[in-house]
Amino acid sequence: MIKLFSGQLCLYGHTCRMVMQEKDAECDFRFLGEESVEAELAELNPYGEAPTLIDRDLVLYCTQVITEYLDERLPHPPLMPIDPVGRGRARLFIFRLQRDWLDSIQARLSKGQNLDQKLRHTLLDGLVAMSQVFNNQDYLLGNDLTLVDCYVAPLLWRLPSLGIKLAPPSKHLEEYGERLFNRQAFQDSLSEAERELRS
């Protein structure tokens, strides 16, 4: 059985959990916070960081490495485009999400800090611009869910707890968020702490 170490409120851990659930694969989710879990993780990952995935003798860390491995290891349903151009676009989209938003947000969440005004403004502007994509399609790269959506869903779920309220021009983005949240895989990916963010 695949084992995944994840923080209870980690954006990237949530992404990996969502991918696992979309694949409908059996997985043992190990949440940080217990001394035994963190000791086990420290033996497996030289950085002692989550998310970390164990599949038999293979140990993987780095969210993008994990998610792409899962998509290849568990090919149905596919979460990456089948053509090289589409895969390149998906990887670039994920890179930009991480560089522009996710890394900075996760760093602050890990330290229990609020988003600063600059990051909040950048995020809100970017989300409003992203909303236009959904005029003609259901998901970020078309009408099928991809890994890109699995990176965005945990962020959208956390917006209220980050103090971010979407403006009326973001109606299509809100509908997109609801499509993601209503997926059984998304619901099954939530930790108890993540459920409480919107309880």
N, C-alpha and C. Protein backbone atom coordinates (compact mmCIF):
# COMPACT_ATOMS: atom_id res chain seq x y z
N MET A 1 0.84 -1.20 0.00
CA MET A 1 0.00 0.00 0.00
C MET A 1 0.88 1.25 0.00
N ILE A 2 0.48 2.24 -0.77
CA ILE A 2 1.19 3.52 -0.81
C ILE A 2 0.94 4.26 0.50
N LYS A 3 1.98 4.91 0.99
CA LYS A 3 1.87 5.68 2.23
C LYS A 3 2.24 7.12 1.93
N LEU A 4 1.45 8.06 2.43
CA LEU A 4 1.71 9.48 2.18
C LEU A 4 1.75 10.24 3.49
N PHE A 5 2.87 10.88 3.74
CA PHE A 5 3.03 11.74 4.91
C PHE A 5 2.63 13.16 4.53
N SER A 6 1.82 13.78 5.36
CA SER A 6 1.29 15.10 5.01
C SER A 6 0.98 15.89 6.27
N GLY A 7 1.12 17.21 6.18
CA GLY A 7 0.64 18.06 7.25
C GLY A 7 -0.88 18.14 7.20
N GLN A 8 -1.51 18.38 8.34
CA GLN A 8 -2.97 18.49 8.40
C GLN A 8 -3.50 19.65 7.57
N LEU A 9 -2.71 20.73 7.49
CA LEU A 9 -3.17 21.94 6.79
C LEU A 9 -2.25 22.33 5.64
N CYS A 10 -1.41 21.41 5.22
CA CYS A 10 -0.42 21.71 4.18
C CYS A 10 -1.07 21.76 2.81
N LEU A 11 -0.88 22.85 2.10
CA LEU A 11 -1.40 22.99 0.73
C LEU A 11 -0.91 21.86 -0.17
N TYR A 12 0.38 21.58 -0.09
CA TYR A 12 0.96 20.59 -0.99
C TYR A 12 0.58 19.17 -0.59
N GLY A 13 0.48 18.92 0.71
CA GLY A 13 0.01 17.62 1.16
C GLY A 13 -1.42 17.38 0.69
N HIS A 14 -2.23 18.44 0.73
CA HIS A 14 -3.62 18.34 0.29
C HIS A 14 -3.67 18.03 -1.21
N THR A 15 -2.81 18.67 -1.99
CA THR A 15 -2.73 18.39 -3.42
C THR A 15 -2.46 16.90 -3.67
N CYS A 16 -1.47 16.37 -2.97
CA CYS A 16 -1.12 14.95 -3.15
C CYS A 16 -2.27 14.04 -2.72
N ARG A 17 -2.94 14.39 -1.63
CA ARG A 17 -4.06 13.58 -1.17
C ARG A 17 -5.20 13.60 -2.19
N MET A 18 -5.44 14.77 -2.80
CA MET A 18 -6.50 14.85 -3.81
C MET A 18 -6.16 13.98 -5.01
N VAL A 19 -4.91 14.01 -5.46
CA VAL A 19 -4.50 13.18 -6.59
C VAL A 19 -4.72 11.70 -6.25
N MET A 20 -4.32 11.29 -5.04
CA MET A 20 -4.52 9.90 -4.64
C MET A 20 -5.99 9.52 -4.68
N GLN A 21 -6.85 10.40 -4.20
CA GLN A 21 -8.28 10.10 -4.18
C GLN A 21 -8.88 10.09 -5.58
N GLU A 22 -8.41 10.98 -6.46
CA GLU A 22 -8.89 10.96 -7.83
C GLU A 22 -8.53 9.64 -8.50
N LYS A 23 -7.42 9.06 -8.11
CA LYS A 23 -7.00 7.77 -8.67
C LYS A 23 -7.73 6.60 -8.02
N ASP A 24 -8.48 6.90 -6.97
CA ASP A 24 -9.23 5.87 -6.25
C ASP A 24 -8.31 4.73 -5.82
N ALA A 25 -7.13 5.11 -5.33
CA ALA A 25 -6.12 4.13 -4.91
C ALA A 25 -6.10 4.01 -3.40
N GLU A 26 -5.80 2.82 -2.94
CA GLU A 26 -5.69 2.60 -1.50
C GLU A 26 -4.41 3.28 -1.00
N CYS A 27 -4.55 4.07 0.04
CA CYS A 27 -3.39 4.82 0.54
C CYS A 27 -3.53 5.01 2.04
N ASP A 28 -2.41 4.95 2.72
CA ASP A 28 -2.36 5.22 4.15
C ASP A 28 -1.88 6.66 4.33
N PHE A 29 -2.78 7.55 4.72
CA PHE A 29 -2.40 8.94 4.97
C PHE A 29 -1.88 9.05 6.40
N ARG A 30 -0.65 9.50 6.52
CA ARG A 30 -0.02 9.69 7.84
C ARG A 30 0.13 11.18 8.08
N PHE A 31 -0.57 11.71 9.08
CA PHE A 31 -0.55 13.15 9.33
C PHE A 31 0.48 13.51 10.39
N LEU A 32 1.24 14.55 10.10
CA LEU A 32 2.23 15.03 11.06
C LEU A 32 1.54 15.57 12.30
N GLY A 33 2.26 15.56 13.38
CA GLY A 33 1.70 16.03 14.65
C GLY A 33 1.92 15.02 15.74
N GLU A 34 2.00 13.74 15.36
CA GLU A 34 2.30 12.68 16.31
C GLU A 34 3.80 12.41 16.27
N GLU A 35 4.39 12.22 17.44
CA GLU A 35 5.84 12.03 17.53
C GLU A 35 6.30 10.82 16.73
N SER A 36 5.53 9.73 16.76
CA SER A 36 5.92 8.51 16.04
C SER A 36 5.92 8.72 14.53
N VAL A 37 4.94 9.50 14.04
CA VAL A 37 4.85 9.78 12.60
C VAL A 37 6.03 10.64 12.17
N GLU A 38 6.35 11.65 12.96
CA GLU A 38 7.45 12.54 12.59
C GLU A 38 8.79 11.82 12.68
N ALA A 39 8.93 10.89 13.63
CA ALA A 39 10.16 10.12 13.73
C ALA A 39 10.32 9.20 12.52
N GLU A 40 9.22 8.60 12.08
CA GLU A 40 9.25 7.75 10.90
C GLU A 40 9.62 8.56 9.66
N LEU A 41 9.04 9.74 9.55
CA LEU A 41 9.34 10.61 8.41
C LEU A 41 10.81 11.02 8.39
N ALA A 42 11.35 11.33 9.56
CA ALA A 42 12.75 11.76 9.65
C ALA A 42 13.71 10.68 9.15
N GLU A 43 13.32 9.42 9.31
CA GLU A 43 14.16 8.31 8.83
C GLU A 43 14.08 8.15 7.32
N LEU A 44 12.97 8.59 6.74
CA LEU A 44 12.73 8.36 5.32
C LEU A 44 13.17 9.51 4.43
N ASN A 45 13.01 10.72 4.92
CA ASN A 45 13.28 11.91 4.12
C ASN A 45 14.41 12.70 4.79
N PRO A 46 15.53 12.92 4.10
CA PRO A 46 16.66 13.63 4.74
C PRO A 46 16.33 15.05 5.17
N TYR A 47 15.26 15.63 4.59
CA TYR A 47 14.85 16.97 4.96
C TYR A 47 13.77 16.96 6.03
N GLY A 48 13.23 15.79 6.31
CA GLY A 48 12.17 15.67 7.32
C GLY A 48 10.92 16.44 6.95
N GLU A 49 10.66 16.58 5.65
CA GLU A 49 9.55 17.42 5.19
C GLU A 49 8.43 16.58 4.59
N ALA A 50 7.24 17.11 4.70
CA ALA A 50 6.08 16.52 4.03
C ALA A 50 5.62 17.51 2.97
N PRO A 51 4.98 17.02 1.89
CA PRO A 51 4.60 15.63 1.67
C PRO A 51 5.77 14.73 1.27
N THR A 52 5.70 13.51 1.74
CA THR A 52 6.63 12.44 1.36
C THR A 52 5.80 11.21 1.06
N LEU A 53 6.13 10.54 -0.04
CA LEU A 53 5.37 9.36 -0.46
C LEU A 53 6.26 8.13 -0.42
N ILE A 54 5.71 7.04 0.08
CA ILE A 54 6.42 5.76 0.12
C ILE A 54 5.62 4.76 -0.70
N ASP A 55 6.27 4.16 -1.68
CA ASP A 55 5.65 3.10 -2.48
C ASP A 55 6.65 1.95 -2.55
N ARG A 56 6.40 0.93 -1.75
CA ARG A 56 7.33 -0.19 -1.58
C ARG A 56 8.69 0.36 -1.11
N ASP A 57 9.74 0.20 -1.94
CA ASP A 57 11.07 0.67 -1.53
C ASP A 57 11.38 2.08 -2.03
N LEU A 58 10.42 2.68 -2.71
CA LEU A 58 10.64 4.01 -3.29
C LEU A 58 10.16 5.09 -2.32
N VAL A 59 11.02 6.08 -2.09
CA VAL A 59 10.67 7.23 -1.27
C VAL A 59 10.77 8.48 -2.14
N LEU A 60 9.68 9.23 -2.22
CA LEU A 60 9.66 10.44 -3.04
C LEU A 60 9.24 11.64 -2.20
N TYR A 61 9.85 12.77 -2.47
CA TYR A 61 9.42 14.03 -1.90
C TYR A 61 9.51 15.08 -3.00
N CYS A 62 8.96 16.26 -2.77
CA CYS A 62 8.74 17.30 -3.78
C CYS A 62 7.39 17.01 -4.42
N THR A 63 6.46 17.93 -4.21
CA THR A 63 5.08 17.72 -4.61
C THR A 63 4.93 17.37 -6.09
N GLN A 64 5.63 18.09 -6.95
CA GLN A 64 5.46 17.84 -8.38
C GLN A 64 6.00 16.46 -8.76
N VAL A 65 7.08 16.04 -8.13
CA VAL A 65 7.61 14.70 -8.38
C VAL A 65 6.58 13.65 -7.95
N ILE A 66 5.98 13.86 -6.77
CA ILE A 66 4.99 12.91 -6.26
C ILE A 66 3.76 12.84 -7.16
N THR A 67 3.22 14.00 -7.52
CA THR A 67 1.97 13.99 -8.29
C THR A 67 2.17 13.41 -9.69
N GLU A 68 3.28 13.71 -10.32
CA GLU A 68 3.52 13.14 -11.65
C GLU A 68 3.81 11.64 -11.56
N TYR A 69 4.49 11.23 -10.52
CA TYR A 69 4.72 9.79 -10.31
C TYR A 69 3.39 9.06 -10.16
N LEU A 70 2.50 9.63 -9.33
CA LEU A 70 1.20 8.99 -9.11
C LEU A 70 0.41 8.90 -10.41
N ASP A 71 0.51 9.93 -11.24
CA ASP A 71 -0.23 9.91 -12.49
C ASP A 71 0.28 8.83 -13.44
N GLU A 72 1.59 8.55 -13.37
CA GLU A 72 2.16 7.49 -14.21
C GLU A 72 1.97 6.12 -13.58
N ARG A 73 2.10 6.06 -12.28
CA ARG A 73 1.98 4.77 -11.56
C ARG A 73 0.54 4.28 -11.56
N LEU A 74 -0.40 5.21 -11.49
CA LEU A 74 -1.83 4.88 -11.45
C LEU A 74 -2.49 5.61 -12.63
N PRO A 75 -2.42 5.05 -13.82
CA PRO A 75 -2.74 5.80 -15.03
C PRO A 75 -4.22 6.14 -15.26
N HIS A 76 -5.12 5.58 -14.47
CA HIS A 76 -6.55 5.85 -14.70
C HIS A 76 -7.19 6.48 -13.48
N PRO A 77 -7.88 7.60 -13.63
CA PRO A 77 -7.97 8.40 -14.86
C PRO A 77 -6.70 9.25 -15.03
N PRO A 78 -6.30 9.53 -16.26
CA PRO A 78 -5.10 10.37 -16.47
C PRO A 78 -5.35 11.80 -16.01
N LEU A 79 -4.35 12.39 -15.38
CA LEU A 79 -4.48 13.76 -14.89
C LEU A 79 -3.49 14.72 -15.57
N MET A 80 -2.77 14.20 -16.54
CA MET A 80 -1.91 15.05 -17.36
C MET A 80 -2.33 14.88 -18.82
N PRO A 81 -2.25 15.97 -19.61
CA PRO A 81 -2.56 15.85 -21.04
C PRO A 81 -1.68 14.78 -21.69
N ILE A 82 -2.18 14.16 -22.76
CA ILE A 82 -1.44 13.06 -23.37
C ILE A 82 -0.37 13.55 -24.35
N ASP A 83 -0.51 14.80 -24.82
CA ASP A 83 0.46 15.29 -25.81
C ASP A 83 1.55 16.11 -25.14
N PRO A 84 2.77 16.13 -25.72
CA PRO A 84 3.90 16.84 -25.11
C PRO A 84 3.63 18.33 -24.90
N VAL A 85 2.96 18.98 -25.85
CA VAL A 85 2.66 20.41 -25.70
C VAL A 85 1.73 20.65 -24.51
N GLY A 86 0.70 19.83 -24.42
CA GLY A 86 -0.23 19.96 -23.30
C GLY A 86 0.45 19.70 -21.97
N ARG A 87 1.33 18.71 -21.92
CA ARG A 87 2.05 18.41 -20.68
C ARG A 87 2.99 19.55 -20.30
N GLY A 88 3.62 20.14 -21.33
CA GLY A 88 4.49 21.28 -21.07
C GLY A 88 3.72 22.45 -20.49
N ARG A 89 2.54 22.71 -21.04
CA ARG A 89 1.70 23.81 -20.53
C ARG A 89 1.28 23.54 -19.09
N ALA A 90 0.91 22.30 -18.81
CA ALA A 90 0.48 21.94 -17.46
C ALA A 90 1.63 22.14 -16.47
N ARG A 91 2.82 21.70 -16.84
CA ARG A 91 3.98 21.84 -15.94
C ARG A 91 4.32 23.31 -15.71
N LEU A 92 4.23 24.11 -16.77
CA LEU A 92 4.52 25.54 -16.62
C LEU A 92 3.47 26.20 -15.74
N PHE A 93 2.21 25.84 -15.90
CA PHE A 93 1.14 26.39 -15.07
C PHE A 93 1.40 26.07 -13.60
N ILE A 94 1.76 24.82 -13.32
CA ILE A 94 2.05 24.41 -11.93
C ILE A 94 3.25 25.18 -11.40
N PHE A 95 4.28 25.33 -12.21
CA PHE A 95 5.47 26.08 -11.78
C PHE A 95 5.10 27.51 -11.41
N ARG A 96 4.27 28.14 -12.23
CA ARG A 96 3.88 29.53 -11.96
C ARG A 96 3.01 29.62 -10.71
N LEU A 97 2.10 28.67 -10.53
CA LEU A 97 1.28 28.66 -9.32
C LEU A 97 2.16 28.59 -8.08
N GLN A 98 3.16 27.71 -8.13
CA GLN A 98 4.05 27.56 -6.98
C GLN A 98 4.89 28.82 -6.75
N ARG A 99 5.46 29.31 -7.82
CA ARG A 99 6.36 30.46 -7.68
C ARG A 99 5.62 31.74 -7.30
N ASP A 100 4.45 31.97 -7.92
CA ASP A 100 3.74 33.23 -7.70
C ASP A 100 2.92 33.24 -6.42
N TRP A 101 2.36 32.07 -6.03
CA TRP A 101 1.43 32.06 -4.90
C TRP A 101 1.74 31.00 -3.85
N LEU A 102 1.74 29.75 -4.28
CA LEU A 102 1.68 28.65 -3.32
C LEU A 102 2.86 28.58 -2.37
N ASP A 103 4.09 28.76 -2.88
CA ASP A 103 5.26 28.69 -2.00
C ASP A 103 5.20 29.75 -0.90
N SER A 104 4.83 30.98 -1.29
CA SER A 104 4.77 32.07 -0.32
C SER A 104 3.65 31.85 0.69
N ILE A 105 2.50 31.39 0.21
CA ILE A 105 1.37 31.15 1.11
C ILE A 105 1.69 30.02 2.07
N GLN A 106 2.25 28.92 1.55
CA GLN A 106 2.58 27.78 2.42
C GLN A 106 3.62 28.17 3.46
N ALA A 107 4.60 28.98 3.08
CA ALA A 107 5.62 29.41 4.03
C ALA A 107 5.00 30.19 5.19
N ARG A 108 4.03 31.04 4.88
CA ARG A 108 3.37 31.81 5.94
C ARG A 108 2.46 30.92 6.79
N LEU A 109 1.74 30.02 6.14
CA LEU A 109 0.87 29.11 6.89
C LEU A 109 1.69 28.25 7.85
N SER A 110 2.86 27.79 7.40
CA SER A 110 3.71 26.95 8.24
C SER A 110 4.19 27.67 9.49
N LYS A 111 4.32 28.99 9.38
CA LYS A 111 4.78 29.80 10.52
C LYS A 111 3.62 30.41 11.30
N GLY A 112 2.38 30.11 10.87
CA GLY A 112 1.23 30.68 11.55
C GLY A 112 1.05 32.16 11.30
N GLN A 113 1.57 32.64 10.16
CA GLN A 113 1.49 34.06 9.83
C GLN A 113 0.35 34.34 8.86
N ASN A 114 -0.18 35.55 8.92
CA ASN A 114 -1.19 35.98 7.96
C ASN A 114 -0.50 36.41 6.67
N LEU A 115 -1.26 36.45 5.59
CA LEU A 115 -0.72 36.95 4.34
C LEU A 115 -0.49 38.44 4.44
N ASP A 116 0.64 38.93 3.92
CA ASP A 116 0.85 40.37 3.91
C ASP A 116 0.00 41.00 2.80
N GLN A 117 -0.11 42.31 2.84
CA GLN A 117 -1.00 43.01 1.92
C GLN A 117 -0.60 42.81 0.46
N LYS A 118 0.70 42.79 0.21
CA LYS A 118 1.17 42.63 -1.17
C LYS A 118 0.77 41.26 -1.73
N LEU A 119 1.00 40.20 -0.96
CA LEU A 119 0.66 38.86 -1.42
C LEU A 119 -0.85 38.71 -1.56
N ARG A 120 -1.60 39.28 -0.63
CA ARG A 120 -3.06 39.21 -0.69
C ARG A 120 -3.57 39.89 -1.97
N HIS A 121 -3.00 41.06 -2.28
CA HIS A 121 -3.41 41.81 -3.47
C HIS A 121 -3.05 41.05 -4.75
N THR A 122 -1.82 40.49 -4.78
CA THR A 122 -1.37 39.73 -5.94
C THR A 122 -2.26 38.51 -6.18
N LEU A 123 -2.59 37.82 -5.10
CA LEU A 123 -3.42 36.64 -5.20
C LEU A 123 -4.83 36.98 -5.68
N LEU A 124 -5.41 38.01 -5.10
CA LEU A 124 -6.77 38.40 -5.48
C LEU A 124 -6.84 38.83 -6.93
N ASP A 125 -5.87 39.64 -7.37
CA ASP A 125 -5.83 40.07 -8.78
C ASP A 125 -5.68 38.88 -9.72
N GLY A 126 -4.81 37.95 -9.35
CA GLY A 126 -4.59 36.77 -10.18
C GLY A 126 -5.82 35.88 -10.28
N LEU A 127 -6.53 35.74 -9.17
CA LEU A 127 -7.73 34.91 -9.17
C LEU A 127 -8.84 35.54 -10.02
N VAL A 128 -8.97 36.86 -9.94
CA VAL A 128 -9.97 37.55 -10.76
C VAL A 128 -9.65 37.35 -12.24
N ALA A 129 -8.36 37.47 -12.60
CA ALA A 129 -7.95 37.26 -13.99
C ALA A 129 -8.20 35.81 -14.42
N MET A 130 -7.94 34.87 -13.52
CA MET A 130 -8.13 33.45 -13.82
C MET A 130 -9.59 33.13 -14.08
N SER A 131 -10.48 33.88 -13.46
CA SER A 131 -11.91 33.60 -13.56
C SER A 131 -12.40 33.59 -15.01
N GLN A 132 -11.75 34.39 -15.86
CA GLN A 132 -12.18 34.50 -17.26
C GLN A 132 -12.01 33.19 -18.03
N VAL A 133 -11.10 32.34 -17.56
CA VAL A 133 -10.85 31.06 -18.23
C VAL A 133 -12.11 30.21 -18.27
N PHE A 134 -12.98 30.36 -17.25
CA PHE A 134 -14.11 29.46 -17.10
C PHE A 134 -15.36 29.93 -17.84
N ASN A 135 -15.21 30.93 -18.70
CA ASN A 135 -16.33 31.32 -19.55
C ASN A 135 -16.69 30.21 -20.53
N ASN A 136 -15.67 29.44 -20.95
CA ASN A 136 -15.88 28.44 -22.00
C ASN A 136 -15.45 27.03 -21.63
N GLN A 137 -15.00 26.81 -20.40
CA GLN A 137 -14.54 25.48 -20.02
C GLN A 137 -14.74 25.25 -18.53
N ASP A 138 -14.75 23.99 -18.14
CA ASP A 138 -15.04 23.63 -16.75
C ASP A 138 -13.82 23.65 -15.85
N TYR A 139 -12.64 23.37 -16.43
CA TYR A 139 -11.42 23.28 -15.62
C TYR A 139 -10.33 24.13 -16.26
N LEU A 140 -9.19 24.25 -15.59
CA LEU A 140 -8.19 25.22 -16.02
C LEU A 140 -7.59 24.93 -17.40
N LEU A 141 -7.47 23.65 -17.77
CA LEU A 141 -6.88 23.33 -19.07
C LEU A 141 -7.91 22.82 -20.08
N GLY A 142 -9.17 22.89 -19.74
CA GLY A 142 -10.21 22.41 -20.65
C GLY A 142 -11.39 21.87 -19.87
N ASN A 143 -12.01 20.84 -20.39
CA ASN A 143 -13.20 20.29 -19.74
C ASN A 143 -12.93 19.04 -18.93
N ASP A 144 -11.66 18.69 -18.76
CA ASP A 144 -11.28 17.55 -17.92
C ASP A 144 -10.38 18.03 -16.78
N LEU A 145 -10.57 17.45 -15.61
CA LEU A 145 -9.72 17.75 -14.46
C LEU A 145 -8.29 17.29 -14.73
N THR A 146 -7.32 18.11 -14.36
CA THR A 146 -5.90 17.75 -14.50
C THR A 146 -5.18 18.01 -13.19
N LEU A 147 -3.88 17.70 -13.19
CA LEU A 147 -3.06 17.98 -12.01
C LEU A 147 -3.09 19.45 -11.64
N VAL A 148 -3.21 20.32 -12.64
CA VAL A 148 -3.24 21.76 -12.36
C VAL A 148 -4.39 22.09 -11.40
N ASP A 149 -5.56 21.52 -11.65
CA ASP A 149 -6.72 21.77 -10.79
C ASP A 149 -6.48 21.23 -9.38
N CYS A 150 -5.72 20.15 -9.28
CA CYS A 150 -5.42 19.58 -7.96
C CYS A 150 -4.50 20.48 -7.14
N TYR A 151 -3.77 21.37 -7.79
CA TYR A 151 -2.96 22.36 -7.07
C TYR A 151 -3.80 23.56 -6.66
N VAL A 152 -4.79 23.89 -7.47
CA VAL A 152 -5.61 25.08 -7.21
C VAL A 152 -6.69 24.82 -6.17
N ALA A 153 -7.26 23.62 -6.18
CA ALA A 153 -8.39 23.31 -5.29
C ALA A 153 -8.07 23.57 -3.81
N PRO A 154 -6.92 23.10 -3.27
CA PRO A 154 -6.64 23.36 -1.86
C PRO A 154 -6.52 24.86 -1.55
N LEU A 155 -6.01 25.62 -2.50
CA LEU A 155 -5.90 27.07 -2.30
C LEU A 155 -7.29 27.70 -2.22
N LEU A 156 -8.16 27.36 -3.17
CA LEU A 156 -9.50 27.94 -3.17
C LEU A 156 -10.27 27.58 -1.90
N TRP A 157 -10.08 26.37 -1.41
CA TRP A 157 -10.74 25.93 -0.17
C TRP A 157 -10.33 26.81 1.01
N ARG A 158 -9.10 27.30 1.00
CA ARG A 158 -8.56 28.06 2.12
C ARG A 158 -8.83 29.56 2.04
N LEU A 159 -9.38 30.05 0.95
CA LEU A 159 -9.54 31.50 0.79
C LEU A 159 -10.25 32.16 1.96
N PRO A 160 -11.40 31.64 2.45
CA PRO A 160 -12.05 32.31 3.58
C PRO A 160 -11.14 32.39 4.81
N SER A 161 -10.39 31.32 5.08
CA SER A 161 -9.52 31.33 6.27
C SER A 161 -8.32 32.25 6.06
N LEU A 162 -8.00 32.58 4.81
CA LEU A 162 -6.91 33.51 4.51
C LEU A 162 -7.42 34.96 4.49
N GLY A 163 -8.71 35.13 4.71
CA GLY A 163 -9.29 36.47 4.73
C GLY A 163 -9.49 37.05 3.34
N ILE A 164 -9.66 36.18 2.36
CA ILE A 164 -9.82 36.65 0.98
C ILE A 164 -11.24 36.37 0.51
N LYS A 165 -11.92 37.44 0.12
CA LYS A 165 -13.28 37.32 -0.40
C LYS A 165 -13.24 37.71 -1.86
N LEU A 166 -13.76 36.82 -2.70
CA LEU A 166 -13.74 37.08 -4.14
C LEU A 166 -14.77 38.14 -4.50
N ALA A 167 -14.38 38.99 -5.44
CA ALA A 167 -15.26 40.06 -5.91
C ALA A 167 -16.27 39.49 -6.91
N PRO A 168 -17.39 40.22 -7.15
CA PRO A 168 -18.41 39.75 -8.10
C PRO A 168 -17.87 39.33 -9.48
N PRO A 169 -16.84 39.99 -10.03
CA PRO A 169 -16.34 39.52 -11.34
C PRO A 169 -15.80 38.09 -11.33
N SER A 170 -15.65 37.52 -10.13
CA SER A 170 -15.08 36.17 -10.03
C SER A 170 -16.14 35.09 -9.94
N LYS A 171 -17.35 35.38 -10.41
CA LYS A 171 -18.45 34.42 -10.31
C LYS A 171 -18.08 33.06 -10.91
N HIS A 172 -17.44 33.06 -12.08
CA HIS A 172 -17.10 31.80 -12.73
C HIS A 172 -16.04 31.04 -11.93
N LEU A 173 -15.15 31.77 -11.26
CA LEU A 173 -14.14 31.11 -10.43
C LEU A 173 -14.81 30.45 -9.22
N GLU A 174 -15.79 31.11 -8.64
CA GLU A 174 -16.51 30.53 -7.51
C GLU A 174 -17.23 29.26 -7.95
N GLU A 175 -17.83 29.29 -9.12
CA GLU A 175 -18.52 28.09 -9.63
C GLU A 175 -17.51 26.97 -9.88
N TYR A 176 -16.34 27.34 -10.38
CA TYR A 176 -15.26 26.35 -10.58
C TYR A 176 -14.87 25.73 -9.23
N GLY A 177 -14.72 26.58 -8.22
CA GLY A 177 -14.38 26.08 -6.90
C GLY A 177 -15.42 25.09 -6.40
N GLU A 178 -16.68 25.42 -6.58
CA GLU A 178 -17.74 24.51 -6.13
C GLU A 178 -17.70 23.19 -6.89
N ARG A 179 -17.37 23.24 -8.19
CA ARG A 179 -17.23 21.99 -8.95
C ARG A 179 -16.15 21.11 -8.35
N LEU A 180 -15.04 21.75 -7.98
CA LEU A 180 -13.94 21.00 -7.36
C LEU A 180 -14.34 20.44 -6.00
N PHE A 181 -14.96 21.29 -5.18
CA PHE A 181 -15.30 20.88 -3.81
C PHE A 181 -16.35 19.78 -3.79
N ASN A 182 -17.20 19.73 -4.81
CA ASN A 182 -18.26 18.73 -4.86
C ASN A 182 -17.78 17.36 -5.36
N ARG A 183 -16.56 17.31 -5.83
CA ARG A 183 -16.01 16.03 -6.27
C ARG A 183 -15.79 15.14 -5.04
N GLN A 184 -16.17 13.89 -5.13
CA GLN A 184 -16.00 12.98 -4.00
C GLN A 184 -14.52 12.87 -3.62
N ALA A 185 -13.65 12.87 -4.62
CA ALA A 185 -12.22 12.77 -4.35
C ALA A 185 -11.73 13.94 -3.51
N PHE A 186 -12.26 15.14 -3.78
CA PHE A 186 -11.85 16.30 -2.99
C PHE A 186 -12.33 16.14 -1.55
N GLN A 187 -13.58 15.77 -1.38
CA GLN A 187 -14.12 15.60 -0.04
C GLN A 187 -13.34 14.55 0.74
N ASP A 188 -12.98 13.46 0.08
CA ASP A 188 -12.23 12.40 0.74
C ASP A 188 -10.78 12.79 1.03
N SER A 189 -10.29 13.81 0.35
CA SER A 189 -8.90 14.24 0.55
C SER A 189 -8.73 15.14 1.76
N LEU A 190 -9.83 15.68 2.29
CA LEU A 190 -9.75 16.66 3.38
C LEU A 190 -9.34 16.01 4.70
N SER A 191 -8.41 16.65 5.38
CA SER A 191 -8.12 16.26 6.77
C SER A 191 -9.19 16.87 7.67
N GLU A 192 -9.23 16.44 8.91
CA GLU A 192 -10.21 17.01 9.85
C GLU A 192 -9.97 18.50 10.02
N ALA A 193 -8.69 18.89 10.11
CA ALA A 193 -8.37 20.32 10.29
C ALA A 193 -8.81 21.13 9.08
N GLU A 194 -8.70 20.55 7.89
CA GLU A 194 -9.12 21.25 6.67
C GLU A 194 -10.65 21.38 6.61
N ARG A 195 -11.35 20.35 7.05
CA ARG A 195 -12.82 20.46 7.09
C ARG A 195 -13.25 21.61 7.98
N GLU A 196 -12.54 21.79 9.07
CA GLU A 196 -12.92 22.83 10.04
C GLU A 196 -12.71 24.24 9.48
N LEU A 197 -11.90 24.37 8.43
CA LEU A 197 -11.70 25.69 7.82
C LEU A 197 -12.99 26.26 7.27
N ARG A 198 -13.94 25.36 6.92
CA ARG A 198 -15.21 25.82 6.36
C ARG A 198 -16.41 25.28 7.14
N SER A 199 -16.19 24.86 8.36
CA SER A 199 -17.29 24.31 9.15
C SER A 199 -18.16 25.42 9.70
